[in-house]
Protein backbone atom coordinates (compact mmCIF):
# COMPACT_ATOMS: atom_id res chain seq x y z
CA UNK A 1 0.00 0.00 0.00
CA UNK A 2 1.25 3.50 -0.82
CA UNK A 3 2.28 5.50 2.23
CA UNK A 4 0.69 8.85 3.06
CA UNK A 5 3.18 11.07 4.91
CA UNK A 6 2.15 13.66 7.47
CA UNK A 7 0.37 16.44 5.59
CA UNK A 8 2.55 19.46 4.87
CA UNK A 9 2.14 22.74 3.01
CA UNK A 10 2.89 22.39 -0.75
CA UNK A 11 5.88 24.74 -0.31
CA UNK A 12 7.47 22.26 2.08
CA UNK A 13 6.85 19.55 -0.50
CA UNK A 14 8.51 21.61 -3.24
CA UNK A 15 11.58 22.34 -1.14
CA UNK A 16 11.92 18.76 0.10
CA UNK A 17 11.69 17.53 -3.47
CA UNK A 18 14.33 20.01 -4.64
CA UNK A 19 16.72 19.02 -1.85
CA UNK A 20 16.22 15.32 -2.64
CA UNK A 21 16.84 15.78 -6.37
CA UNK A 22 19.87 18.02 -5.95
CA UNK A 23 21.46 15.42 -3.68
CA UNK A 24 20.49 12.65 -6.12
CA UNK A 25 22.36 14.47 -8.90
CA UNK A 26 25.40 15.05 -6.73
CA UNK A 27 24.87 18.83 -6.56
CA UNK A 28 25.89 20.49 -3.26
CA UNK A 29 22.66 21.20 -1.40
CA UNK A 30 23.08 24.78 -0.24
CA UNK A 31 20.68 27.69 -0.28
CA UNK A 32 22.12 29.11 -3.53
CA UNK A 33 21.41 25.89 -5.43
CA UNK A 34 17.85 25.68 -4.06
CA UNK A 35 17.32 29.30 -5.08
CA UNK A 36 18.46 28.50 -8.63
CA UNK A 37 16.37 25.34 -8.88
CA UNK A 38 13.13 26.88 -7.63
CA UNK A 39 13.77 30.35 -9.08
CA UNK A 40 13.09 32.12 -5.81
CA UNK A 41 15.13 34.71 -3.96
CA UNK A 42 17.88 33.81 -1.50
CA UNK A 43 16.05 35.53 1.40
CA UNK A 44 12.91 33.49 0.62
CA UNK A 45 14.94 30.28 0.62
CA UNK A 46 16.61 31.23 3.90
CA UNK A 47 13.25 31.83 5.57
CA UNK A 48 11.77 28.59 4.22
CA UNK A 49 14.78 26.56 5.36
CA UNK A 50 14.38 28.00 8.87
CA UNK A 51 10.71 27.01 8.85
CA UNK A 52 11.61 23.52 7.68
CA UNK A 53 14.15 23.22 10.49
CA UNK A 54 11.42 24.07 12.99
CA UNK A 55 9.20 21.40 11.41
CA UNK A 56 12.04 18.85 11.70
CA UNK A 57 12.23 18.37 7.93
CA UNK A 58 15.84 19.47 7.38
CA UNK A 59 19.14 19.87 9.18
CA UNK A 60 21.64 22.60 8.29
CA UNK A 61 25.30 21.81 8.88
CA UNK A 62 27.90 24.32 10.02
CA UNK A 63 29.19 24.65 6.43
CA UNK A 64 25.69 25.44 5.12
CA UNK A 65 24.93 22.02 3.63
CA UNK A 66 21.25 21.13 3.93
CA UNK A 67 20.14 17.55 4.53
CA UNK A 68 16.73 15.98 4.95
CA UNK A 69 15.72 14.50 8.27
CA UNK A 70 13.94 11.14 8.42
CA UNK A 71 10.58 12.88 8.17
CA UNK A 72 11.87 15.18 5.43
CA UNK A 73 13.15 12.24 3.41
CA UNK A 74 9.80 10.45 3.77
CA UNK A 75 8.01 13.52 2.47
CA UNK A 76 10.50 14.03 -0.37
CA UNK A 77 10.48 10.44 -1.60
CA UNK A 78 6.67 10.44 -1.66
CA UNK A 79 6.52 13.63 -3.74
CA UNK A 80 9.33 12.51 -6.08
CA UNK A 81 7.67 9.12 -6.56
CA UNK A 82 4.33 10.70 -7.42
CA UNK A 83 5.95 13.21 -9.77
CA UNK A 84 7.77 10.50 -11.70
CA UNK A 85 4.72 8.24 -11.79
CA UNK A 86 2.68 11.17 -13.11
CA UNK A 87 5.28 11.74 -15.85
CA UNK A 88 4.96 8.07 -16.86
CA UNK A 89 1.18 8.31 -16.97
CA UNK A 90 1.17 11.59 -18.87
CA UNK A 91 3.60 10.37 -21.54
CA UNK A 92 2.72 6.67 -21.81
CA UNK A 93 -1.05 6.87 -21.40
CA UNK A 94 -1.99 10.41 -22.41
CA UNK A 95 0.72 10.90 -25.01
CA UNK A 96 2.10 14.22 -23.76
CA UNK A 97 5.60 15.28 -24.77
CA UNK A 98 8.42 15.37 -22.22
CA UNK A 99 8.22 19.10 -21.55
CA UNK A 100 4.47 19.25 -20.99
CA UNK A 101 4.54 16.09 -18.88
CA UNK A 102 7.28 17.49 -16.64
CA UNK A 103 5.30 20.70 -16.09
CA UNK A 104 1.98 18.96 -15.47
CA UNK A 105 3.55 16.40 -13.13
CA UNK A 106 4.69 19.30 -10.97
CA UNK A 107 1.01 20.01 -10.32
CA UNK A 108 -0.15 16.40 -10.02
CA UNK A 109 2.46 15.43 -7.44
CA UNK A 110 0.69 17.49 -4.75
CA UNK A 111 -2.78 16.00 -5.20
CA UNK A 112 -2.22 12.30 -5.97
CA UNK A 113 -3.63 10.21 -3.12
CA UNK A 114 -2.31 6.79 -2.01
CA UNK A 115 -5.31 5.16 -3.74
CA UNK A 116 -4.60 6.88 -7.04
CA UNK A 117 -0.89 6.18 -6.70
CA UNK A 118 -1.57 2.46 -6.38
CA UNK A 119 -3.91 2.55 -9.37
CA UNK A 120 -1.29 4.35 -11.48
CA UNK A 121 1.34 1.77 -10.53
CA UNK A 122 -1.04 -1.01 -11.57
CA UNK A 123 -2.02 0.59 -14.88
CA UNK A 124 1.60 1.43 -15.74
CA UNK A 125 2.87 -2.04 -14.87
CA UNK A 126 5.02 -1.07 -11.86
CA UNK A 127 7.58 1.12 -13.71
CA UNK A 128 11.02 1.50 -12.14
CA UNK A 129 11.95 4.81 -13.76
CA UNK A 130 10.31 7.92 -15.11
CA UNK A 131 10.47 8.63 -18.88
CA UNK A 132 13.84 10.32 -18.34
CA UNK A 133 15.33 7.25 -16.65
CA UNK A 134 15.34 8.63 -13.11
CA UNK A 135 14.48 5.98 -10.50
CA UNK A 136 11.02 5.90 -8.96
CA UNK A 137 11.60 5.71 -5.18
CA UNK A 138 10.52 2.37 -3.79
CA UNK A 139 10.76 0.55 -7.14
CA UNK A 140 14.05 -1.15 -6.31
CA UNK A 141 15.74 0.19 -9.43
CA UNK A 142 19.54 -0.09 -9.56
CA UNK A 143 21.54 1.89 -12.10
CA UNK A 144 23.87 -0.33 -14.17
CA UNK A 145 27.30 -0.55 -12.55
CA UNK A 146 29.00 0.23 -15.86
CA UNK A 147 27.10 3.51 -16.33
CA UNK A 148 29.16 6.64 -17.03
CA UNK A 149 28.42 10.12 -18.33
CA UNK A 150 28.37 10.65 -22.10
CA UNK A 151 31.58 12.69 -22.05
CA UNK A 152 33.48 9.59 -20.85
CA UNK A 153 32.67 7.58 -23.99
CA UNK A 154 35.55 7.52 -26.48
CA UNK A 155 35.06 8.98 -29.95
CA UNK A 156 33.99 6.20 -32.30
CA UNK A 157 32.38 4.10 -29.57
CA UNK A 158 28.67 3.26 -29.19
CA UNK A 159 26.53 3.96 -26.13
CA UNK A 160 23.02 3.49 -24.80
CA UNK A 161 21.27 6.27 -22.89
CA UNK A 162 20.31 5.38 -19.31
CA UNK A 163 19.27 8.55 -17.54
CA UNK A 164 18.66 12.27 -18.00
CA UNK A 165 19.32 13.78 -14.55
CA UNK A 166 16.73 16.09 -13.03
CA UNK A 167 19.29 18.89 -13.19
CA UNK A 168 18.95 18.88 -16.99
CA UNK A 169 15.16 18.69 -16.86
CA UNK A 170 15.10 22.10 -15.22
CA UNK A 171 17.24 23.79 -17.87
CA UNK A 172 15.18 25.75 -20.39
CA UNK A 173 14.90 23.96 -23.71
CA UNK A 174 16.79 20.81 -22.69
CA UNK A 175 13.83 18.43 -22.65
CA UNK A 176 12.66 19.66 -26.04
CA UNK A 177 16.16 19.26 -27.46
CA UNK A 178 16.73 15.77 -26.06
CA UNK A 179 13.32 14.46 -27.13
CA UNK A 180 13.62 15.97 -30.63
CA UNK A 181 17.06 14.44 -31.20
CA UNK A 182 16.12 11.05 -29.77
CA UNK A 183 18.74 11.25 -27.02
CA UNK A 184 16.42 9.37 -24.66
CA UNK A 185 16.71 6.41 -22.26
CA UNK A 186 16.91 3.12 -24.11
CA UNK A 187 18.14 4.69 -27.35
CA UNK A 188 21.56 3.75 -28.71
CA UNK A 189 24.01 5.94 -30.58
CA UNK A 190 27.65 6.55 -31.43
CA UNK A 191 30.00 9.31 -30.33
CA UNK A 192 31.56 10.65 -33.52
CA UNK A 193 33.92 13.25 -32.08
CA UNK A 194 34.64 15.76 -29.32
CA UNK A 195 35.43 19.44 -29.86
CA UNK A 196 38.01 21.25 -27.73
CA UNK A 197 35.21 22.91 -25.74
CA UNK A 198 33.78 19.50 -24.80
CA UNK A 199 30.91 19.49 -27.31
CA UNK A 200 30.19 15.92 -28.39
CA UNK A 201 29.00 15.14 -31.90
CA UNK A 202 26.81 12.07 -31.72
CA UNK A 203 24.54 10.08 -33.98
CA UNK A 204 21.38 8.57 -32.51
CA UNK A 205 19.45 8.28 -35.74
CA UNK A 206 19.75 9.56 -39.25
CA UNK A 207 21.78 12.70 -38.71
CA UNK A 208 24.61 13.72 -36.36
CA UNK A 209 24.09 16.57 -33.89
CA UNK A 210 26.07 18.34 -31.21
CA UNK A 211 25.65 17.96 -27.46
CA UNK A 212 27.16 20.76 -25.38
CA UNK A 213 29.93 19.89 -22.95
CA UNK A 214 27.94 20.57 -19.75
CA UNK A 215 25.10 18.37 -21.04
CA UNK A 216 27.48 15.59 -22.11
CA UNK A 217 28.97 15.73 -18.62
CA UNK A 218 25.60 14.87 -17.07
CA UNK A 219 23.72 12.49 -19.38
CA UNK A 220 24.19 8.96 -18.03
CA UNK A 221 24.89 6.18 -20.54
CA UNK A 222 26.31 2.69 -20.72
CA UNK A 223 29.09 1.80 -23.15
CA UNK A 224 28.00 -0.31 -26.12
CA UNK A 225 24.87 -0.42 -28.21
């Protein structure tokens, strides 16, 4: 049965989710990164973090690093799970594109009940990842041990896309670009070359295209087709 955490204000849910996803992507969880992710001011983040401390949702270390408490992690994993399930439903069942599904899932995650969550899991066939390859908490998904970022694949070698980190999902235009080029989980391609600035030229279909260095440094792939 899906677990219903203690009810919290949607703002607490948003912040807990952001903290969870930043940590998942290996990004230092400090107020500046939360401010960038949620596009809110630093003073607003500071005030919200203080409120979350009082609610026993986060701890703030002496160096400024923010971590989720047990209760905060329970809240975050529930919201992240429902967001990623919603993305699966919106793309696989309703046929929305990646960008629209990501936006709509941000609304759905706050209103999905345990009953609806269980029904979605059943209809979707117990998916382990969202459409972008990010693990659905509680699914038991394990990323392949051989997974590396795209920039680590040698020129001339094939690869298969595993995961598009949440960090990229929040960058304007990235989801549209990745979906339009076919650089999506499960798709195979070949790295053709690397430019001095780190841009990778890859082929995932009929025509080669460039992937900027920062993006190539974050897309997770496995070597081989």
